[in-house]
Amino acid sequence: MGVSLLPLENDLLRLKILWELYQSLFNVCYYGEIQTQRYKIESDNISNVLAALYYLDNKGYINVRNTKEKDVLIIYIRSRGIDEIEDRWKRGNMLLFGSAYNNILVREVNNENSKD
C-alpha cells in the first residue's frame, strides 16, 4: 500500500506528470503517435502515481488507457493539460518541482508488436 501524500505533494506530483507529458508532446512526429504513447511508470510509490494519473484523466488534462502490462500505460496530454502547464508557466507558479521527483514516466518507443 502507498504512502499518503499531503495536498501540496499531490499537486506537485500532478504537475510533474503534466510537465513530463508536455515535454514529450514536442518529440512526436505524427498524430497517431501522440495517441499511442506508452509510458512505463518509474516510481517506488506507484499507487500515488496511478492516483495522480487517473485524477488528471478525470479532470480532462490527459487521457490514460491500460495495457496488458501492469506498470505500462498509454498516456497523452490533452489541450486542457497543455493550457494548464502554459498558464502556470506564465504565472510563474512552476516551482522547482522538477527536483522534487525523478522522472516518473519513461516513454517506450517502437513497441509496435504490442496489441493494446
N, C-alpha and C. Protein backbone atom coordinates (compact mmCIF):
# COMPACT_ATOMS: atom_id res chain seq x y z
N MET A 1 0.84 -1.18 0.00
CA MET A 1 0.00 0.00 0.00
C MET A 1 0.88 1.24 0.00
N GLY A 2 0.46 2.30 -0.71
CA GLY A 2 1.25 3.51 -0.85
C GLY A 2 1.18 4.41 0.36
N VAL A 3 2.11 5.33 0.40
CA VAL A 3 2.15 6.32 1.46
C VAL A 3 1.27 7.49 1.05
N SER A 4 0.43 7.95 1.95
CA SER A 4 -0.45 9.07 1.66
C SER A 4 0.35 10.37 1.55
N LEU A 5 0.05 11.15 0.53
CA LEU A 5 0.75 12.41 0.31
C LEU A 5 -0.07 13.58 0.83
N LEU A 6 0.62 14.63 1.18
CA LEU A 6 -0.04 15.88 1.57
C LEU A 6 -0.60 16.55 0.31
N PRO A 7 -1.60 17.43 0.45
CA PRO A 7 -2.18 18.09 -0.73
C PRO A 7 -1.13 18.78 -1.61
N LEU A 8 -0.15 19.46 -1.02
CA LEU A 8 0.89 20.12 -1.82
C LEU A 8 1.71 19.09 -2.59
N GLU A 9 2.01 17.96 -1.95
CA GLU A 9 2.76 16.91 -2.62
C GLU A 9 1.96 16.31 -3.78
N ASN A 10 0.66 16.14 -3.58
CA ASN A 10 -0.20 15.65 -4.66
C ASN A 10 -0.19 16.62 -5.84
N ASP A 11 -0.28 17.92 -5.55
CA ASP A 11 -0.27 18.93 -6.60
C ASP A 11 1.06 18.91 -7.35
N LEU A 12 2.16 18.79 -6.62
CA LEU A 12 3.47 18.73 -7.26
C LEU A 12 3.62 17.49 -8.13
N LEU A 13 3.13 16.37 -7.65
CA LEU A 13 3.18 15.13 -8.42
C LEU A 13 2.38 15.27 -9.72
N ARG A 14 1.19 15.82 -9.63
CA ARG A 14 0.35 16.01 -10.83
C ARG A 14 1.02 16.97 -11.81
N LEU A 15 1.60 18.05 -11.29
CA LEU A 15 2.30 18.99 -12.16
C LEU A 15 3.50 18.35 -12.83
N LYS A 16 4.22 17.55 -12.09
CA LYS A 16 5.39 16.87 -12.65
C LYS A 16 4.97 15.95 -13.79
N ILE A 17 3.89 15.21 -13.60
CA ILE A 17 3.38 14.33 -14.66
C ILE A 17 2.97 15.14 -15.88
N LEU A 18 2.21 16.21 -15.66
CA LEU A 18 1.81 17.07 -16.78
C LEU A 18 3.02 17.64 -17.50
N TRP A 19 4.01 18.07 -16.74
CA TRP A 19 5.23 18.64 -17.33
C TRP A 19 5.95 17.61 -18.20
N GLU A 20 6.07 16.38 -17.70
CA GLU A 20 6.74 15.33 -18.48
C GLU A 20 5.98 15.04 -19.77
N LEU A 21 4.65 14.99 -19.69
CA LEU A 21 3.86 14.74 -20.90
C LEU A 21 3.92 15.92 -21.86
N TYR A 22 3.95 17.11 -21.33
CA TYR A 22 4.09 18.33 -22.14
C TYR A 22 5.40 18.29 -22.91
N GLN A 23 6.47 17.93 -22.24
CA GLN A 23 7.78 17.85 -22.91
C GLN A 23 7.79 16.76 -23.96
N SER A 24 7.16 15.62 -23.69
CA SER A 24 7.11 14.52 -24.66
C SER A 24 6.32 14.88 -25.90
N LEU A 25 5.32 15.74 -25.73
CA LEU A 25 4.47 16.11 -26.86
C LEU A 25 5.28 16.67 -28.02
N PHE A 26 6.35 17.37 -27.73
CA PHE A 26 7.13 18.01 -28.77
C PHE A 26 8.20 17.08 -29.36
N ASN A 27 8.18 15.83 -28.96
CA ASN A 27 9.11 14.84 -29.51
C ASN A 27 8.41 13.82 -30.39
N VAL A 28 7.15 14.04 -30.73
CA VAL A 28 6.43 13.10 -31.58
C VAL A 28 6.38 13.65 -33.00
N CYS A 29 6.28 12.75 -33.96
CA CYS A 29 6.36 13.16 -35.36
C CYS A 29 5.02 13.20 -36.08
N TYR A 30 4.06 12.42 -35.62
CA TYR A 30 2.77 12.40 -36.30
C TYR A 30 1.64 12.14 -35.29
N TYR A 31 0.43 12.49 -35.69
CA TYR A 31 -0.71 12.47 -34.77
C TYR A 31 -0.96 11.10 -34.16
N GLY A 32 -0.87 10.04 -34.96
CA GLY A 32 -1.13 8.70 -34.45
C GLY A 32 -0.21 8.34 -33.30
N GLU A 33 1.01 8.84 -33.34
CA GLU A 33 1.97 8.56 -32.27
C GLU A 33 1.58 9.25 -30.97
N ILE A 34 0.94 10.40 -31.07
CA ILE A 34 0.50 11.12 -29.87
C ILE A 34 -0.49 10.26 -29.09
N GLN A 35 -1.39 9.58 -29.79
CA GLN A 35 -2.42 8.81 -29.12
C GLN A 35 -1.98 7.41 -28.72
N THR A 36 -0.76 7.03 -29.03
CA THR A 36 -0.30 5.69 -28.67
C THR A 36 1.01 5.74 -27.88
N GLN A 37 1.26 6.83 -27.21
CA GLN A 37 2.49 6.93 -26.42
C GLN A 37 2.39 6.03 -25.20
N ARG A 38 3.29 5.09 -25.11
CA ARG A 38 3.33 4.15 -23.99
C ARG A 38 4.38 4.64 -22.99
N TYR A 39 4.00 4.61 -21.72
CA TYR A 39 4.89 5.04 -20.65
C TYR A 39 4.97 3.97 -19.58
N LYS A 40 6.18 3.70 -19.16
CA LYS A 40 6.41 2.80 -18.03
C LYS A 40 6.53 3.69 -16.79
N ILE A 41 5.83 3.34 -15.75
CA ILE A 41 5.86 4.12 -14.52
C ILE A 41 7.12 3.75 -13.75
N GLU A 42 7.97 4.74 -13.53
CA GLU A 42 9.22 4.55 -12.81
C GLU A 42 9.11 5.28 -11.48
N SER A 43 8.57 4.62 -10.50
CA SER A 43 8.40 5.24 -9.19
C SER A 43 8.27 4.15 -8.14
N ASP A 44 8.79 4.42 -6.97
CA ASP A 44 8.64 3.49 -5.86
C ASP A 44 7.22 3.52 -5.31
N ASN A 45 6.55 4.63 -5.53
CA ASN A 45 5.21 4.81 -4.99
C ASN A 45 4.17 4.79 -6.11
N ILE A 46 4.03 3.65 -6.75
CA ILE A 46 3.17 3.52 -7.92
C ILE A 46 1.71 3.84 -7.62
N SER A 47 1.26 3.57 -6.41
CA SER A 47 -0.16 3.83 -6.09
C SER A 47 -0.47 5.32 -6.14
N ASN A 48 0.43 6.17 -5.65
CA ASN A 48 0.20 7.62 -5.72
C ASN A 48 0.30 8.12 -7.16
N VAL A 49 1.20 7.55 -7.94
CA VAL A 49 1.33 7.94 -9.35
C VAL A 49 0.05 7.55 -10.10
N LEU A 50 -0.43 6.34 -9.87
CA LEU A 50 -1.68 5.93 -10.53
C LEU A 50 -2.85 6.81 -10.12
N ALA A 51 -2.93 7.14 -8.84
CA ALA A 51 -4.00 8.03 -8.37
C ALA A 51 -3.90 9.39 -9.06
N ALA A 52 -2.69 9.92 -9.19
CA ALA A 52 -2.49 11.22 -9.86
C ALA A 52 -2.85 11.13 -11.33
N LEU A 53 -2.46 10.04 -11.99
CA LEU A 53 -2.78 9.87 -13.40
C LEU A 53 -4.28 9.81 -13.64
N TYR A 54 -4.98 9.04 -12.83
CA TYR A 54 -6.42 8.92 -13.04
C TYR A 54 -7.17 10.17 -12.59
N TYR A 55 -6.62 10.92 -11.65
CA TYR A 55 -7.20 12.21 -11.29
C TYR A 55 -7.09 13.17 -12.48
N LEU A 56 -5.90 13.23 -13.09
CA LEU A 56 -5.69 14.10 -14.25
C LEU A 56 -6.56 13.68 -15.42
N ASP A 57 -6.73 12.37 -15.58
CA ASP A 57 -7.60 11.85 -16.64
C ASP A 57 -9.04 12.28 -16.40
N ASN A 58 -9.50 12.15 -15.17
CA ASN A 58 -10.87 12.52 -14.83
C ASN A 58 -11.12 14.02 -15.02
N LYS A 59 -10.11 14.84 -14.77
CA LYS A 59 -10.23 16.29 -14.94
C LYS A 59 -10.14 16.71 -16.41
N GLY A 60 -9.77 15.78 -17.29
CA GLY A 60 -9.68 16.10 -18.72
C GLY A 60 -8.34 16.65 -19.16
N TYR A 61 -7.32 16.59 -18.29
CA TYR A 61 -5.99 17.10 -18.64
C TYR A 61 -5.22 16.10 -19.51
N ILE A 62 -5.44 14.82 -19.27
CA ILE A 62 -4.74 13.78 -20.02
C ILE A 62 -5.73 12.67 -20.35
N ASN A 63 -5.28 11.74 -21.19
CA ASN A 63 -6.05 10.54 -21.46
C ASN A 63 -5.17 9.36 -21.08
N VAL A 64 -5.70 8.43 -20.28
CA VAL A 64 -4.94 7.27 -19.80
C VAL A 64 -5.69 6.01 -20.20
N ARG A 65 -4.94 5.06 -20.79
CA ARG A 65 -5.50 3.75 -21.11
C ARG A 65 -4.57 2.67 -20.58
N ASN A 66 -5.15 1.59 -20.12
CA ASN A 66 -4.38 0.45 -19.63
C ASN A 66 -3.76 -0.33 -20.77
N THR A 67 -2.73 -1.09 -20.45
CA THR A 67 -2.16 -2.06 -21.37
C THR A 67 -2.15 -3.41 -20.66
N LYS A 68 -1.62 -4.41 -21.31
CA LYS A 68 -1.55 -5.74 -20.69
C LYS A 68 -0.50 -5.78 -19.59
N GLU A 69 0.45 -4.85 -19.61
CA GLU A 69 1.49 -4.80 -18.60
C GLU A 69 1.03 -3.91 -17.45
N LYS A 70 1.26 -4.34 -16.21
CA LYS A 70 0.70 -3.62 -15.07
C LYS A 70 1.31 -2.25 -14.83
N ASP A 71 2.57 -2.02 -15.23
CA ASP A 71 3.20 -0.72 -14.98
C ASP A 71 3.42 0.09 -16.26
N VAL A 72 2.73 -0.29 -17.34
CA VAL A 72 2.81 0.44 -18.61
C VAL A 72 1.42 0.91 -18.98
N LEU A 73 1.32 2.21 -19.30
CA LEU A 73 0.05 2.81 -19.68
C LEU A 73 0.22 3.58 -20.98
N ILE A 74 -0.86 3.73 -21.71
CA ILE A 74 -0.86 4.63 -22.86
C ILE A 74 -1.42 5.95 -22.35
N ILE A 75 -0.62 6.99 -22.47
CA ILE A 75 -1.00 8.29 -21.90
C ILE A 75 -0.68 9.38 -22.92
N TYR A 76 -1.58 10.32 -23.08
CA TYR A 76 -1.24 11.52 -23.83
C TYR A 76 -1.91 12.72 -23.21
N ILE A 77 -1.23 13.86 -23.35
CA ILE A 77 -1.73 15.11 -22.78
C ILE A 77 -2.77 15.69 -23.74
N ARG A 78 -3.80 16.25 -23.17
CA ARG A 78 -4.85 16.89 -23.95
C ARG A 78 -4.66 18.40 -23.92
N SER A 79 -5.44 19.10 -24.71
CA SER A 79 -5.32 20.56 -24.80
C SER A 79 -5.42 21.24 -23.44
N ARG A 80 -6.32 20.76 -22.63
CA ARG A 80 -6.53 21.36 -21.31
C ARG A 80 -5.27 21.22 -20.44
N GLY A 81 -4.57 20.08 -20.55
CA GLY A 81 -3.32 19.89 -19.81
C GLY A 81 -2.22 20.80 -20.31
N ILE A 82 -2.18 20.99 -21.63
CA ILE A 82 -1.19 21.91 -22.22
C ILE A 82 -1.45 23.32 -21.71
N ASP A 83 -2.72 23.73 -21.73
CA ASP A 83 -3.09 25.06 -21.24
C ASP A 83 -2.72 25.24 -19.77
N GLU A 84 -2.95 24.21 -18.96
CA GLU A 84 -2.64 24.28 -17.52
C GLU A 84 -1.15 24.52 -17.31
N ILE A 85 -0.31 23.75 -17.99
CA ILE A 85 1.14 23.92 -17.85
C ILE A 85 1.58 25.29 -18.34
N GLU A 86 1.08 25.71 -19.49
CA GLU A 86 1.49 27.02 -20.03
C GLU A 86 0.99 28.17 -19.18
N ASP A 87 -0.24 28.05 -18.64
CA ASP A 87 -0.75 29.09 -17.74
C ASP A 87 0.09 29.20 -16.47
N ARG A 88 0.44 28.06 -15.89
CA ARG A 88 1.28 28.09 -14.68
C ARG A 88 2.65 28.65 -14.99
N TRP A 89 3.16 28.31 -16.15
CA TRP A 89 4.47 28.82 -16.55
C TRP A 89 4.42 30.34 -16.66
N LYS A 90 3.37 30.86 -17.30
CA LYS A 90 3.21 32.30 -17.46
C LYS A 90 3.06 33.01 -16.12
N ARG A 91 2.34 32.38 -15.19
CA ARG A 91 2.12 32.99 -13.88
C ARG A 91 3.33 32.83 -12.96
N GLY A 92 4.30 32.06 -13.39
CA GLY A 92 5.48 31.86 -12.57
C GLY A 92 5.28 30.88 -11.44
N ASN A 93 4.23 30.05 -11.53
CA ASN A 93 3.95 29.10 -10.46
C ASN A 93 4.64 27.76 -10.66
N MET A 94 5.53 27.67 -11.60
CA MET A 94 6.23 26.42 -11.82
C MET A 94 7.41 26.37 -10.85
N LEU A 95 7.12 25.97 -9.62
CA LEU A 95 8.14 25.86 -8.60
C LEU A 95 9.21 24.89 -9.06
N LEU A 96 10.20 24.73 -8.31
CA LEU A 96 11.24 23.79 -8.67
C LEU A 96 10.79 22.36 -8.39
N PHE A 97 9.59 22.04 -8.90
CA PHE A 97 9.04 20.72 -8.66
C PHE A 97 9.84 19.65 -9.38
N GLY A 98 10.56 20.03 -10.40
CA GLY A 98 11.35 19.05 -11.14
C GLY A 98 12.38 18.37 -10.28
N SER A 99 12.89 19.08 -9.29
CA SER A 99 13.89 18.47 -8.42
C SER A 99 13.26 17.65 -7.30
N ALA A 100 11.95 17.80 -7.12
CA ALA A 100 11.27 17.05 -6.06
C ALA A 100 11.10 15.58 -6.43
N TYR A 101 11.10 15.30 -7.70
CA TYR A 101 10.90 13.93 -8.18
C TYR A 101 11.86 13.63 -9.32
N ASN A 102 12.29 12.39 -9.42
CA ASN A 102 12.96 11.94 -10.63
C ASN A 102 11.90 11.80 -11.70
N ASN A 103 12.31 11.49 -12.92
CA ASN A 103 11.30 11.25 -13.94
C ASN A 103 10.39 10.13 -13.49
N ILE A 104 9.11 10.34 -13.67
CA ILE A 104 8.09 9.40 -13.23
C ILE A 104 7.69 8.48 -14.38
N LEU A 105 7.60 9.05 -15.56
CA LEU A 105 7.17 8.30 -16.73
C LEU A 105 8.34 8.16 -17.69
N VAL A 106 8.59 6.95 -18.15
CA VAL A 106 9.63 6.71 -19.13
C VAL A 106 8.95 6.23 -20.40
N ARG A 107 9.14 7.00 -21.46
CA ARG A 107 8.45 6.70 -22.72
C ARG A 107 9.05 5.46 -23.37
N GLU A 108 8.17 4.55 -23.76
CA GLU A 108 8.59 3.37 -24.50
C GLU A 108 8.42 3.66 -25.98
N VAL A 109 9.45 3.39 -26.78
CA VAL A 109 9.40 3.70 -28.20
C VAL A 109 9.38 2.43 -29.03
N ASN A 110 8.70 2.53 -30.16
CA ASN A 110 8.64 1.45 -31.15
C ASN A 110 8.25 0.11 -30.57
N ASN A 111 7.14 0.06 -29.91
CA ASN A 111 6.61 -1.19 -29.40
C ASN A 111 5.40 -1.57 -30.23
N GLU A 112 5.61 -1.74 -31.55
CA GLU A 112 4.51 -1.97 -32.47
C GLU A 112 3.96 -3.38 -32.39
N ASN A 113 4.68 -4.31 -31.79
CA ASN A 113 4.21 -5.68 -31.69
C ASN A 113 3.11 -5.83 -30.65
N SER A 114 3.00 -4.85 -29.77
CA SER A 114 2.03 -4.91 -28.69
C SER A 114 0.64 -4.56 -29.22
N LYS A 115 -0.35 -5.32 -28.85
CA LYS A 115 -1.75 -5.07 -29.25
C LYS A 115 -2.53 -4.65 -28.02
N ASP A 116 -2.66 -3.33 -27.80
CA ASP A 116 -3.39 -2.84 -26.63
C ASP A 116 -4.62 -2.08 -27.05
